[in-house]
């Protein structure tokens, strides 16, 4: 179901205008069940260019429910406050840290460090998805990731996610203990991924991408990038729900940098609260990406932590539930301070 009023012929979208100000009006509604993020107004949008600000109470009831309902835990990780997904690339060619963890021992050691620094999830990937990256055969991807996942599972560390677009790789990871699937193709590369997560009843993150890593930055175009990405993600969510997967186990990712220009990325980030209308947790992966280096004048990827954190906190202020990052310790410190200030207290673990 699109975020729309049922009586309207044209789809109408609603973007909550999110605030964390302590002076919360009595009529304010929570953002995805949050205790400290709220909205009392929303922007109403449509593809004919009609835009208006409406009171939260005037948002259609079914849409309002999606925008306000609490998100259940994902693989045991609470969605009530933002969580951190640490990136572990077991690859020779990832854009940021390719080769640094390209064997099982180094990858496990890095994952252990990220877990100790506060990562709630560990996202293990064996195929680079940077622009221009080449395809990796299933067997090679399994060879890279399986021993790492098996070791981390045995050690009982953070929730383990497998970053793959291939069902054979995902199945091997599940059998080794992975409890979350992260498909950057959003089920488009391998249709069997949808059936796999339903078979095992596991959470899955579906990301939006225009094209494949080999071609995605070759002149990406959209009619309206925010609404186009919304519609594409809605179709993926509907597909999984229709197959029998609970909506609470579906994570959506707008795919910053995957078939998007800098202008597309900024438009998505500025309007990212619209994706709460899908009724799912939202994952954001912007860590060290090229547009951060361009805007922040940081040509070297491993020097982009400050810019990455700035974008992450801006998204957290809009209610994003999961941050996928390289720099876990720095992000955790910034996130803890952000939450302490916006909530007016800090809960010691």
Protein backbone atom coordinates (compact mmCIF):
# COMPACT_ATOMS: atom_id res chain seq x y z
CA UNK A 1 0.00 0.00 0.00
CA UNK A 2 1.46 3.35 -0.98
CA UNK A 3 1.57 6.17 1.52
CA UNK A 4 -1.61 7.69 0.20
CA UNK A 5 -5.20 8.46 1.02
CA UNK A 6 -7.33 5.61 -0.29
CA UNK A 7 -9.87 7.94 -1.92
CA UNK A 8 -7.28 9.74 -4.03
CA UNK A 9 -6.51 8.66 -7.58
CA UNK A 10 -2.96 10.03 -7.50
CA UNK A 11 -0.52 8.74 -4.91
CA UNK A 12 0.01 11.21 -2.09
CA UNK A 13 3.10 10.90 0.07
CA UNK A 14 3.61 12.22 3.59
CA UNK A 15 6.97 13.24 5.01
CA UNK A 16 6.95 13.84 8.78
CA UNK A 17 8.68 17.08 9.78
CA UNK A 18 10.72 15.69 12.65
CA UNK A 19 11.72 17.52 15.81
CA UNK A 20 13.46 16.60 19.06
CA UNK A 21 12.75 19.86 20.86
CA UNK A 22 11.82 19.22 24.53
CA UNK A 23 8.82 21.56 24.20
CA UNK A 24 6.64 18.92 22.57
CA UNK A 25 3.06 19.94 21.73
CA UNK A 26 0.26 17.84 23.18
CA UNK A 27 -0.91 16.88 19.68
CA UNK A 28 2.54 15.66 18.57
CA UNK A 29 2.92 12.11 17.25
CA UNK A 30 5.99 9.90 17.80
CA UNK A 31 8.31 9.09 14.92
CA UNK A 32 8.42 5.28 14.61
CA UNK A 33 7.60 4.89 18.29
CA UNK A 34 10.45 7.12 19.46
CA UNK A 35 10.32 8.58 22.96
CA UNK A 36 12.13 11.77 21.95
CA UNK A 37 11.50 12.32 18.21
CA UNK A 38 8.10 13.68 17.27
CA UNK A 39 6.16 15.55 14.59
CA UNK A 40 3.04 17.66 14.62
CA UNK A 41 3.22 18.54 10.91
CA UNK A 42 3.94 16.67 7.71
CA UNK A 43 4.71 17.65 4.16
CA UNK A 44 2.18 16.30 1.68
CA UNK A 45 3.70 15.58 -1.74
CA UNK A 46 2.59 14.25 -5.09
CA UNK A 47 4.14 13.81 -8.51
CA UNK A 48 2.22 16.69 -10.02
CA UNK A 49 4.32 19.05 -7.91
CA UNK A 50 1.61 19.80 -5.36
CA UNK A 51 3.16 20.31 -1.92
CA UNK A 52 1.54 21.46 1.30
CA UNK A 53 2.12 21.38 5.04
CA UNK A 54 -0.61 19.56 6.98
CA UNK A 55 -1.18 18.85 10.67
CA UNK A 56 -0.22 15.37 11.84
CA UNK A 57 -3.82 14.77 12.86
CA UNK A 58 -4.85 15.29 9.23
CA UNK A 59 -2.60 12.54 7.87
CA UNK A 60 -4.75 9.53 6.84
CA UNK A 61 -5.03 7.01 9.70
CA UNK A 62 -3.33 4.12 7.88
CA UNK A 63 -0.40 6.33 6.87
CA UNK A 64 -0.14 7.81 10.36
CA UNK A 65 0.08 4.32 11.81
CA UNK A 66 3.05 3.46 9.60
CA UNK A 67 4.79 6.71 10.50
CA UNK A 68 4.31 6.34 14.25
CA UNK A 69 4.34 2.60 15.09
CA UNK A 70 7.26 1.30 17.15
CA UNK A 71 9.69 -0.84 15.18
CA UNK A 72 10.35 -4.27 16.75
CA UNK A 73 13.91 -5.45 17.47
CA UNK A 74 15.98 -6.76 14.55
CA UNK A 75 17.97 -9.92 15.36
CA UNK A 76 17.67 -9.01 19.04
CA UNK A 77 18.86 -5.42 18.54
CA UNK A 78 16.45 -2.73 19.74
CA UNK A 79 15.24 -0.18 17.20
CA UNK A 80 14.14 2.24 19.94
CA UNK A 81 17.45 4.12 19.66
CA UNK A 82 19.86 4.22 16.70
CA UNK A 83 22.15 1.22 16.35
CA UNK A 84 25.51 0.84 14.64
CA UNK A 85 26.42 -1.70 11.96
CA UNK A 86 30.19 -2.14 11.62
CA UNK A 87 31.57 -2.85 8.15
CA UNK A 88 33.92 -5.81 7.64
CA UNK A 89 35.11 -6.07 4.03
CA UNK A 90 36.82 -9.39 3.32
CA UNK A 91 37.84 -8.12 -0.11
CA UNK A 92 40.95 -6.95 -1.96
CA UNK A 93 39.23 -4.00 -3.67
CA UNK A 94 36.68 -2.22 -1.48
CA UNK A 95 36.83 1.55 -1.99
CA UNK A 96 37.77 2.44 1.59
CA UNK A 97 39.71 -0.43 3.14
CA UNK A 98 40.24 -2.96 0.36
CA UNK A 99 42.93 -5.48 1.26
CA UNK A 100 43.30 -4.54 4.92
CA UNK A 101 41.11 -7.43 6.10
CA UNK A 102 41.36 -9.72 3.09
CA UNK A 103 41.91 -12.96 4.97
CA UNK A 104 39.95 -14.68 7.71
CA UNK A 105 42.31 -13.91 10.58
CA UNK A 106 42.54 -10.19 9.87
CA UNK A 107 38.82 -9.94 9.17
CA UNK A 108 37.94 -11.69 12.45
CA UNK A 109 40.34 -9.46 14.39
CA UNK A 110 38.80 -6.35 12.84
CA UNK A 111 35.28 -7.57 13.58
CA UNK A 112 36.24 -8.27 17.19
CA UNK A 113 37.56 -4.72 17.48
CA UNK A 114 34.39 -3.21 16.00
CA UNK A 115 32.23 -5.26 18.36
CA UNK A 116 34.29 -4.11 21.34
CA UNK A 117 33.93 -0.50 20.16
CA UNK A 118 30.16 -0.78 20.25
CA UNK A 119 28.91 -2.21 16.95
CA UNK A 120 25.46 -3.76 17.38
CA UNK A 121 25.73 -5.55 14.02
CA UNK A 122 28.74 -6.80 12.07
CA UNK A 123 28.19 -6.70 8.29
CA UNK A 124 30.46 -9.21 6.57
CA UNK A 125 30.99 -8.76 2.83
CA UNK A 126 33.05 -10.70 0.30
CA UNK A 127 32.31 -8.69 -2.85
CA UNK A 128 33.03 -5.02 -3.34
CA UNK A 129 30.06 -2.96 -4.53
CA UNK A 130 32.02 0.25 -5.18
CA UNK A 131 31.38 1.94 -8.54
CA UNK A 132 33.06 -0.09 -11.26
CA UNK A 133 33.62 -3.17 -9.09
CA UNK A 134 33.78 -6.50 -10.88
CA UNK A 135 31.56 -9.53 -10.24
CA UNK A 136 32.84 -12.15 -7.76
CA UNK A 137 31.74 -15.79 -8.30
CA UNK A 138 29.59 -17.36 -5.56
CA UNK A 139 32.23 -19.89 -4.55
CA UNK A 140 34.90 -17.24 -4.06
CA UNK A 141 32.56 -15.02 -2.07
CA UNK A 142 31.70 -17.96 0.19
CA UNK A 143 35.39 -18.81 0.59
CA UNK A 144 36.03 -15.28 1.81
CA UNK A 145 33.08 -14.88 4.18
CA UNK A 146 32.17 -18.33 5.57
CA UNK A 147 35.13 -18.84 7.92
CA UNK A 148 34.78 -15.30 9.28
CA UNK A 149 31.08 -15.72 10.04
CA UNK A 150 31.63 -19.14 11.61
CA UNK A 151 34.32 -17.75 13.95
CA UNK A 152 32.30 -14.71 14.96
CA UNK A 153 29.21 -16.81 15.59
CA UNK A 154 31.20 -19.19 17.78
CA UNK A 155 32.44 -16.23 19.81
CA UNK A 156 28.90 -14.91 20.29
CA UNK A 157 29.73 -11.37 19.24
CA UNK A 158 27.34 -8.79 17.74
CA UNK A 159 24.48 -9.80 15.45
CA UNK A 160 26.03 -11.04 12.19
CA UNK A 161 24.84 -9.71 8.83
CA UNK A 162 25.90 -11.09 5.44
CA UNK A 163 26.38 -8.38 2.83
CA UNK A 164 25.60 -10.17 -0.43
CA UNK A 165 23.26 -10.05 -3.41
CA UNK A 166 23.47 -13.81 -4.03
CA UNK A 167 21.21 -16.43 -2.45
CA UNK A 168 23.84 -19.18 -2.49
CA UNK A 169 26.25 -16.98 -0.53
CA UNK A 170 23.48 -15.94 1.84
CA UNK A 171 22.44 -19.55 2.47
CA UNK A 172 26.00 -20.54 3.34
CA UNK A 173 26.23 -17.57 5.70
CA UNK A 174 22.96 -18.48 7.40
CA UNK A 175 24.17 -22.02 7.98
CA UNK A 176 27.32 -20.56 9.56
CA UNK A 177 25.28 -18.35 11.89
CA UNK A 178 24.37 -15.10 10.11
CA UNK A 179 21.06 -13.72 11.38
CA UNK A 180 20.53 -10.76 9.02
CA UNK A 181 20.68 -10.51 5.21
CA UNK A 182 21.83 -7.30 3.53
CA UNK A 183 21.11 -7.24 -0.20
CA UNK A 184 22.43 -4.14 -1.96
CA UNK A 185 20.51 -5.09 -5.10
CA UNK A 186 17.21 -5.06 -3.21
CA UNK A 187 16.26 -8.55 -4.49
CA UNK A 188 16.86 -7.52 -8.13
CA UNK A 189 20.09 -9.44 -8.77
CA UNK A 190 18.96 -12.82 -7.45
CA UNK A 191 15.18 -13.30 -7.08
CA UNK A 192 15.78 -16.35 -4.86
CA UNK A 193 16.94 -14.03 -2.04
CA UNK A 194 13.31 -13.20 -1.24
CA UNK A 195 12.34 -16.85 -0.84
CA UNK A 196 15.47 -17.53 1.21
CA UNK A 197 14.74 -14.96 3.92
CA UNK A 198 11.15 -16.19 4.11
CA UNK A 199 12.36 -19.82 4.34
CA UNK A 200 14.56 -18.99 7.34
CA UNK A 201 12.30 -16.19 8.66
CA UNK A 202 15.26 -13.82 8.88
CA UNK A 203 15.45 -10.03 8.74
CA UNK A 204 16.62 -8.61 5.43
CA UNK A 205 17.76 -5.17 4.38
CA UNK A 206 16.62 -4.24 0.87
CA UNK A 207 18.53 -1.38 -0.69
CA UNK A 208 17.70 0.76 -3.68
CA UNK A 209 20.25 0.81 -6.50
CA UNK A 210 19.94 1.98 -10.06
CA UNK A 211 22.02 -0.41 -12.17
CA UNK A 212 24.84 -2.68 -11.01
CA UNK A 213 28.16 -1.72 -9.40
CA UNK A 214 29.77 -1.95 -12.85
CA UNK A 215 27.40 0.61 -14.40
CA UNK A 216 25.45 2.43 -11.68
CA UNK A 217 27.31 5.75 -11.88
CA UNK A 218 26.96 6.03 -15.66
CA UNK A 219 24.63 9.04 -15.82
CA UNK A 220 21.89 8.03 -13.29
CA UNK A 221 18.55 9.74 -13.91
CA UNK A 222 15.23 10.00 -12.04
CA UNK A 223 11.88 11.67 -12.53
CA UNK A 224 11.85 12.57 -8.82
CA UNK A 225 14.64 10.80 -6.93
CA UNK A 226 12.88 10.82 -3.53
CA UNK A 227 9.56 9.52 -4.81
CA UNK A 228 11.15 7.12 -7.32
CA UNK A 229 13.27 5.52 -4.58
CA UNK A 230 10.26 5.43 -2.24
CA UNK A 231 8.13 3.63 -4.82
CA UNK A 232 10.90 1.14 -5.61
CA UNK A 233 11.42 0.30 -1.94
CA UNK A 234 7.69 0.03 -1.36
CA UNK A 235 7.43 -2.57 -4.13
CA UNK A 236 10.23 -4.60 -2.54
CA UNK A 237 8.61 -4.43 0.90
CA UNK A 238 5.23 -5.44 -0.55
CA UNK A 239 6.83 -8.39 -2.32
CA UNK A 240 8.34 -9.73 0.90
CA UNK A 241 5.17 -9.14 2.92
CA UNK A 242 3.12 -10.95 0.27
CA UNK A 243 5.54 -13.89 0.52
CA UNK A 244 4.89 -14.06 4.27
CA UNK A 245 7.75 -12.11 5.87
CA UNK A 246 6.69 -9.87 8.73
CA UNK A 247 7.09 -6.16 7.93
CA UNK A 248 9.05 -5.72 11.15
CA UNK A 249 11.80 -7.94 9.70
CA UNK A 250 12.27 -5.77 6.62
CA UNK A 251 14.85 -2.98 6.70
CA UNK A 252 14.96 -0.38 3.95
CA UNK A 253 18.01 1.48 2.65
CA UNK A 254 17.69 4.36 0.14
CA UNK A 255 21.08 3.42 -1.32
CA UNK A 256 23.08 6.62 -1.07
CA UNK A 257 25.74 6.58 -3.80
CA UNK A 258 24.28 3.59 -5.65
CA UNK A 259 23.22 5.02 -9.00
CA UNK A 260 22.90 8.57 -7.65
CA UNK A 261 24.60 11.87 -8.30
CA UNK A 262 25.64 14.21 -5.50
CA UNK A 263 22.39 16.13 -6.00
CA UNK A 264 20.39 12.88 -5.75
CA UNK A 265 22.21 11.93 -2.54
CA UNK A 266 21.54 15.29 -0.92
CA UNK A 267 17.86 15.26 -1.91
CA UNK A 268 17.42 11.81 -0.35
CA UNK A 269 19.20 12.85 2.84
CA UNK A 270 17.20 16.06 3.15
CA UNK A 271 13.91 14.16 2.79
CA UNK A 272 14.88 10.87 4.41
CA UNK A 273 12.08 10.93 6.99
CA UNK A 274 9.61 10.14 4.20
CA UNK A 275 10.78 6.52 4.30
CA UNK A 276 9.20 6.05 7.74
CA UNK A 277 5.99 5.74 5.75
CA UNK A 278 7.09 2.25 4.71
CA UNK A 279 6.65 1.09 8.31
CA UNK A 280 10.14 -0.45 8.44
CA UNK A 281 13.44 0.36 10.14
CA UNK A 282 15.68 2.52 7.94
CA UNK A 283 19.37 1.81 7.40
CA UNK A 284 21.73 4.52 6.19
CA UNK A 285 25.09 3.74 4.61
CA UNK A 286 27.05 6.90 3.84
CA UNK A 287 30.32 6.11 5.58
CA UNK A 288 33.38 7.50 3.70
CA UNK A 289 31.48 7.80 0.42
CA UNK A 290 32.69 9.93 -2.48
CA UNK A 291 30.24 12.80 -2.04
CA UNK A 292 31.49 13.26 1.53
CA UNK A 293 35.02 13.55 0.21
CA UNK A 294 33.91 16.02 -2.47
CA UNK A 295 31.93 18.31 -0.17
CA UNK A 296 34.31 17.89 2.77
CA UNK A 297 37.51 18.25 0.71
CA UNK A 298 38.77 14.84 1.84
CA UNK A 299 40.10 12.96 -1.22
CA UNK A 300 41.39 10.04 0.89
CA UNK A 301 38.53 7.77 1.99
CA UNK A 302 39.97 7.01 5.43
CA UNK A 303 40.02 10.75 6.24
CA UNK A 304 36.25 11.12 5.88
CA UNK A 305 35.09 10.12 9.39
CA UNK A 306 34.09 13.68 10.45
CA UNK A 307 31.95 14.19 7.36
CA UNK A 308 30.48 10.71 7.63
CA UNK A 309 29.48 11.35 11.25
CA UNK A 310 27.97 14.73 10.41
CA UNK A 311 25.70 13.16 7.80
CA UNK A 312 24.87 10.25 10.11
CA UNK A 313 23.77 12.54 12.95
CA UNK A 314 21.64 14.62 10.59
CA UNK A 315 19.86 11.41 9.59
CA UNK A 316 19.53 10.26 13.21
CA UNK A 317 17.75 13.53 13.91
CA UNK A 318 15.22 12.37 11.30
CA UNK A 319 14.70 9.02 13.06
CA UNK A 320 17.04 6.66 11.17
CA UNK A 321 17.44 3.40 13.11
CA UNK A 322 20.66 1.81 11.75
CA UNK A 323 23.94 3.45 10.76
CA UNK A 324 26.30 1.32 8.65
CA UNK A 325 29.81 2.66 9.28
CA UNK A 326 33.54 2.01 9.07
CA UNK A 327 34.47 4.16 12.07
CA UNK A 328 32.53 2.55 14.90
CA UNK A 329 34.28 4.08 17.92
CA UNK A 330 34.05 7.63 16.59
CA UNK A 331 30.44 7.19 15.50
CA UNK A 332 29.48 5.65 18.86
CA UNK A 333 30.95 8.59 20.77
CA UNK A 334 29.18 11.13 18.57
CA UNK A 335 25.90 9.21 18.72
CA UNK A 336 26.01 8.89 22.51
CA UNK A 337 26.53 12.65 22.88
CA UNK A 338 23.82 13.44 20.34
CA UNK A 339 21.31 11.24 22.16
CA UNK A 340 22.30 12.60 25.58
CA UNK A 341 21.68 16.17 24.43
CA UNK A 342 18.46 15.52 22.50
CA UNK A 343 16.95 13.33 25.23
CA UNK A 344 18.34 15.31 28.16
CA UNK A 345 19.84 12.24 29.84
CA UNK A 346 22.25 9.37 29.22
CA UNK A 347 21.54 5.78 30.19
CA UNK A 348 24.70 4.03 31.39
CA UNK A 349 24.80 0.44 30.12
